[in-house]
Amino acid sequence: MRRRRIAYAIMMGTCLTLFVLAWAVVRHLSVPAALAMSVVAMILPPFAVTVANWNVERRDEDVHGGRDRVSSGGRTPDRRDDRRDDRRDGAA
């Protein structure tokens, strides 16, 4: 956990440094270089998040606090239940 957190902090610090240097210093020398630095800085955050969440244990609960299909014994809802819900919503 600590190693991932350090890697995330380094990557996000690099991202911030690239943005600041690109538009405070490098743009006076070369605008295309500043744009290139900004593009690299834009690409870094998704990789930083991926590194931070690598091999994280997942819980068996979904976002709303319910259980998913695997943890509820593999039972999936019937198609009839879906059709009944559609009729309530006004669909034919």
N, C-alpha and C. Protein backbone atom coordinates (compact mmCIF):
# COMPACT_ATOMS: atom_id res chain seq x y z
N MET A 1 0.83 -1.19 0.00
CA MET A 1 0.00 0.00 0.00
C MET A 1 0.87 1.25 0.00
N ARG A 2 1.87 1.27 0.84
CA ARG A 2 2.72 2.45 0.94
C ARG A 2 3.49 2.70 -0.36
N ARG A 3 3.95 1.63 -0.98
CA ARG A 3 4.70 1.76 -2.23
C ARG A 3 3.81 2.35 -3.33
N ARG A 4 2.55 1.90 -3.39
CA ARG A 4 1.61 2.44 -4.39
C ARG A 4 1.32 3.91 -4.12
N ARG A 5 1.16 4.26 -2.86
CA ARG A 5 0.88 5.65 -2.51
C ARG A 5 2.05 6.56 -2.88
N ILE A 6 3.25 6.09 -2.66
CA ILE A 6 4.45 6.88 -3.02
C ILE A 6 4.54 7.03 -4.53
N ALA A 7 4.28 5.94 -5.26
CA ALA A 7 4.33 6.01 -6.73
C ALA A 7 3.28 6.98 -7.25
N TYR A 8 2.07 6.96 -6.66
CA TYR A 8 1.02 7.89 -7.06
C TYR A 8 1.44 9.33 -6.80
N ALA A 9 2.00 9.59 -5.63
CA ALA A 9 2.43 10.95 -5.28
C ALA A 9 3.53 11.44 -6.22
N ILE A 10 4.46 10.57 -6.57
CA ILE A 10 5.53 10.95 -7.49
C ILE A 10 4.96 11.28 -8.87
N MET A 11 4.07 10.45 -9.36
CA MET A 11 3.49 10.68 -10.68
C MET A 11 2.66 11.96 -10.72
N MET A 12 1.88 12.21 -9.68
CA MET A 12 1.06 13.43 -9.67
C MET A 12 1.94 14.66 -9.45
N GLY A 13 3.01 14.52 -8.67
CA GLY A 13 3.96 15.63 -8.52
C GLY A 13 4.65 15.95 -9.83
N THR A 14 4.98 14.91 -10.58
CA THR A 14 5.57 15.11 -11.91
C THR A 14 4.59 15.82 -12.83
N CYS A 15 3.35 15.44 -12.77
CA CYS A 15 2.31 16.07 -13.58
C CYS A 15 2.20 17.56 -13.26
N LEU A 16 2.11 17.88 -12.01
CA LEU A 16 2.01 19.29 -11.58
C LEU A 16 3.26 20.06 -11.99
N THR A 17 4.42 19.46 -11.80
CA THR A 17 5.68 20.13 -12.17
C THR A 17 5.74 20.39 -13.68
N LEU A 18 5.30 19.43 -14.47
CA LEU A 18 5.29 19.63 -15.92
C LEU A 18 4.39 20.78 -16.33
N PHE A 19 3.19 20.87 -15.76
CA PHE A 19 2.29 21.97 -16.08
C PHE A 19 2.89 23.32 -15.70
N VAL A 20 3.39 23.39 -14.49
CA VAL A 20 3.93 24.67 -14.02
C VAL A 20 5.15 25.08 -14.85
N LEU A 21 6.08 24.17 -15.05
CA LEU A 21 7.26 24.51 -15.85
C LEU A 21 6.91 24.85 -17.30
N ALA A 22 5.94 24.12 -17.86
CA ALA A 22 5.58 24.35 -19.25
C ALA A 22 5.08 25.78 -19.46
N TRP A 23 4.23 26.26 -18.57
CA TRP A 23 3.61 27.57 -18.82
C TRP A 23 4.28 28.71 -18.07
N ALA A 24 5.17 28.43 -17.15
CA ALA A 24 5.88 29.52 -16.47
C ALA A 24 7.25 29.76 -17.09
N VAL A 25 7.90 28.72 -17.61
CA VAL A 25 9.27 28.85 -18.09
C VAL A 25 9.40 28.50 -19.57
N VAL A 26 8.97 27.32 -19.94
CA VAL A 26 9.25 26.79 -21.27
C VAL A 26 8.50 27.55 -22.37
N ARG A 27 7.32 28.08 -22.08
CA ARG A 27 6.57 28.78 -23.13
C ARG A 27 7.31 30.00 -23.66
N HIS A 28 8.20 30.59 -22.86
CA HIS A 28 8.99 31.72 -23.32
C HIS A 28 10.04 31.28 -24.34
N LEU A 29 10.45 30.02 -24.24
CA LEU A 29 11.46 29.49 -25.15
C LEU A 29 10.84 28.81 -26.37
N SER A 30 9.79 28.01 -26.12
CA SER A 30 9.19 27.26 -27.21
C SER A 30 7.76 26.87 -26.84
N VAL A 31 6.81 27.43 -27.57
CA VAL A 31 5.40 27.10 -27.31
C VAL A 31 5.10 25.64 -27.66
N PRO A 32 5.60 25.10 -28.77
CA PRO A 32 5.34 23.67 -29.04
C PRO A 32 5.88 22.75 -27.94
N ALA A 33 7.02 23.09 -27.37
CA ALA A 33 7.56 22.27 -26.28
C ALA A 33 6.65 22.37 -25.05
N ALA A 34 6.13 23.56 -24.78
CA ALA A 34 5.21 23.73 -23.65
C ALA A 34 3.93 22.94 -23.88
N LEU A 35 3.44 22.93 -25.10
CA LEU A 35 2.25 22.13 -25.42
C LEU A 35 2.52 20.64 -25.26
N ALA A 36 3.68 20.20 -25.71
CA ALA A 36 4.05 18.78 -25.57
C ALA A 36 4.14 18.39 -24.09
N MET A 37 4.72 19.26 -23.28
CA MET A 37 4.80 18.99 -21.84
C MET A 37 3.41 18.91 -21.23
N SER A 38 2.51 19.77 -21.68
CA SER A 38 1.14 19.75 -21.16
C SER A 38 0.40 18.48 -21.55
N VAL A 39 0.63 18.01 -22.76
CA VAL A 39 0.00 16.77 -23.21
C VAL A 39 0.50 15.60 -22.36
N VAL A 40 1.78 15.55 -22.11
CA VAL A 40 2.33 14.48 -21.26
C VAL A 40 1.74 14.59 -19.85
N ALA A 41 1.60 15.81 -19.35
CA ALA A 41 1.03 16.00 -18.01
C ALA A 41 -0.45 15.60 -17.98
N MET A 42 -1.15 15.74 -19.10
CA MET A 42 -2.55 15.31 -19.17
C MET A 42 -2.68 13.80 -19.17
N ILE A 43 -1.71 13.11 -19.72
CA ILE A 43 -1.77 11.66 -19.83
C ILE A 43 -1.37 10.97 -18.52
N LEU A 44 -0.60 11.60 -17.70
CA LEU A 44 -0.09 10.98 -16.47
C LEU A 44 -1.17 10.61 -15.42
N PRO A 45 -2.17 11.45 -15.13
CA PRO A 45 -3.12 11.09 -14.06
C PRO A 45 -3.83 9.75 -14.21
N PRO A 46 -4.30 9.34 -15.40
CA PRO A 46 -4.91 8.01 -15.47
C PRO A 46 -3.94 6.88 -15.12
N PHE A 47 -2.69 7.03 -15.52
CA PHE A 47 -1.70 6.02 -15.16
C PHE A 47 -1.42 6.03 -13.65
N ALA A 48 -1.42 7.22 -13.05
CA ALA A 48 -1.20 7.32 -11.61
C ALA A 48 -2.32 6.63 -10.84
N VAL A 49 -3.54 6.80 -11.30
CA VAL A 49 -4.68 6.15 -10.63
C VAL A 49 -4.61 4.64 -10.80
N THR A 50 -4.21 4.19 -11.98
CA THR A 50 -4.07 2.75 -12.21
C THR A 50 -3.01 2.16 -11.29
N VAL A 51 -1.90 2.84 -11.14
CA VAL A 51 -0.84 2.37 -10.24
C VAL A 51 -1.34 2.37 -8.79
N ALA A 52 -2.07 3.40 -8.40
CA ALA A 52 -2.55 3.49 -7.02
C ALA A 52 -3.56 2.41 -6.70
N ASN A 53 -4.33 1.95 -7.69
CA ASN A 53 -5.36 0.94 -7.45
C ASN A 53 -4.95 -0.46 -7.86
N TRP A 54 -3.69 -0.67 -8.18
CA TRP A 54 -3.21 -1.97 -8.62
C TRP A 54 -3.30 -2.99 -7.49
N ASN A 55 -3.94 -4.11 -7.74
CA ASN A 55 -4.07 -5.23 -6.79
C ASN A 55 -4.77 -4.84 -5.49
N VAL A 56 -5.71 -3.94 -5.56
CA VAL A 56 -6.49 -3.58 -4.38
C VAL A 56 -7.59 -4.61 -4.20
N GLU A 57 -7.80 -5.05 -2.98
CA GLU A 57 -8.85 -6.02 -2.70
C GLU A 57 -10.22 -5.41 -2.98
N ARG A 58 -11.07 -6.18 -3.64
CA ARG A 58 -12.43 -5.70 -3.91
C ARG A 58 -13.39 -6.30 -2.92
N ARG A 59 -14.42 -5.53 -2.58
CA ARG A 59 -15.47 -6.05 -1.72
C ARG A 59 -16.58 -6.64 -2.58
N ASP A 60 -17.42 -7.45 -1.97
CA ASP A 60 -18.51 -8.07 -2.70
C ASP A 60 -19.74 -7.18 -2.79
N GLU A 61 -19.64 -5.93 -2.42
CA GLU A 61 -20.78 -5.04 -2.47
C GLU A 61 -20.63 -4.06 -3.61
N ASP A 62 -21.76 -3.71 -4.21
CA ASP A 62 -21.70 -2.73 -5.28
C ASP A 62 -21.72 -1.32 -4.71
N VAL A 63 -21.83 -0.33 -5.56
CA VAL A 63 -21.76 1.07 -5.15
C VAL A 63 -22.88 1.44 -4.20
N HIS A 64 -24.06 0.84 -4.38
CA HIS A 64 -25.23 1.22 -3.59
C HIS A 64 -25.37 0.41 -2.31
N GLY A 65 -24.41 -0.42 -2.00
CA GLY A 65 -24.45 -1.16 -0.75
C GLY A 65 -25.09 -2.53 -0.86
N GLY A 66 -25.63 -2.87 -2.01
CA GLY A 66 -26.23 -4.18 -2.20
C GLY A 66 -25.17 -5.21 -2.54
N ARG A 67 -25.61 -6.46 -2.62
CA ARG A 67 -24.66 -7.50 -2.98
C ARG A 67 -24.74 -7.76 -4.48
N ASP A 68 -23.61 -8.18 -5.04
CA ASP A 68 -23.62 -8.49 -6.47
C ASP A 68 -24.08 -9.93 -6.69
N ARG A 69 -24.14 -10.35 -7.95
CA ARG A 69 -24.65 -11.68 -8.27
C ARG A 69 -23.77 -12.78 -7.72
N VAL A 70 -22.47 -12.59 -7.69
CA VAL A 70 -21.56 -13.64 -7.24
C VAL A 70 -21.75 -13.89 -5.74
N SER A 71 -21.86 -12.84 -4.96
CA SER A 71 -21.97 -13.01 -3.52
C SER A 71 -23.37 -13.42 -3.10
N SER A 72 -24.38 -13.28 -3.98
CA SER A 72 -25.74 -13.66 -3.62
C SER A 72 -26.06 -15.08 -4.11
N GLY A 73 -25.05 -15.90 -4.31
CA GLY A 73 -25.27 -17.28 -4.69
C GLY A 73 -25.38 -17.50 -6.18
N GLY A 74 -25.06 -16.52 -6.99
CA GLY A 74 -25.10 -16.68 -8.42
C GLY A 74 -26.48 -16.52 -9.03
N ARG A 75 -27.48 -16.16 -8.24
CA ARG A 75 -28.84 -16.01 -8.74
C ARG A 75 -28.96 -14.73 -9.54
N THR A 76 -29.50 -14.85 -10.74
CA THR A 76 -29.75 -13.68 -11.57
C THR A 76 -31.25 -13.45 -11.64
N PRO A 77 -31.69 -12.21 -11.83
CA PRO A 77 -33.12 -11.95 -11.89
C PRO A 77 -33.75 -12.60 -13.11
N ASP A 78 -35.03 -12.98 -12.98
CA ASP A 78 -35.78 -13.56 -14.09
C ASP A 78 -36.08 -12.52 -15.14
N ARG A 79 -36.23 -12.97 -16.38
CA ARG A 79 -36.64 -12.05 -17.44
C ARG A 79 -38.05 -11.56 -17.18
N ARG A 80 -38.88 -12.41 -16.57
CA ARG A 80 -40.26 -11.99 -16.28
C ARG A 80 -40.26 -10.78 -15.35
N ASP A 81 -39.32 -10.74 -14.41
CA ASP A 81 -39.23 -9.59 -13.51
C ASP A 81 -38.93 -8.32 -14.28
N ASP A 82 -38.04 -8.41 -15.30
CA ASP A 82 -37.71 -7.25 -16.12
C ASP A 82 -38.93 -6.76 -16.89
N ARG A 83 -39.71 -7.70 -17.47
CA ARG A 83 -40.88 -7.30 -18.24
C ARG A 83 -41.91 -6.64 -17.34
N ARG A 84 -42.06 -7.15 -16.13
CA ARG A 84 -43.01 -6.58 -15.19
C ARG A 84 -42.60 -5.14 -14.85
N ASP A 85 -41.29 -4.90 -14.67
CA ASP A 85 -40.81 -3.55 -14.40
C ASP A 85 -41.06 -2.63 -15.57
N ASP A 86 -40.90 -3.15 -16.82
CA ASP A 86 -41.15 -2.34 -18.00
C ASP A 86 -42.60 -1.90 -18.08
N ARG A 87 -43.52 -2.79 -17.74
CA ARG A 87 -44.95 -2.43 -17.78
C ARG A 87 -45.26 -1.32 -16.78
N ARG A 88 -44.61 -1.38 -15.62
CA ARG A 88 -44.84 -0.33 -14.62
C ARG A 88 -44.32 1.01 -15.09
N ASP A 89 -43.25 0.99 -15.87
CA ASP A 89 -42.66 2.24 -16.36
C ASP A 89 -43.41 2.82 -17.53
N GLY A 90 -44.40 2.09 -18.07
CA GLY A 90 -45.18 2.60 -19.19
C GLY A 90 -44.73 2.06 -20.53
N ALA A 91 -43.74 1.18 -20.55
CA ALA A 91 -43.28 0.60 -21.82
C ALA A 91 -44.21 -0.55 -22.19
N ALA A 92 -44.33 -0.81 -23.47
CA ALA A 92 -45.23 -1.88 -23.94
C ALA A 92 -44.58 -3.23 -23.87
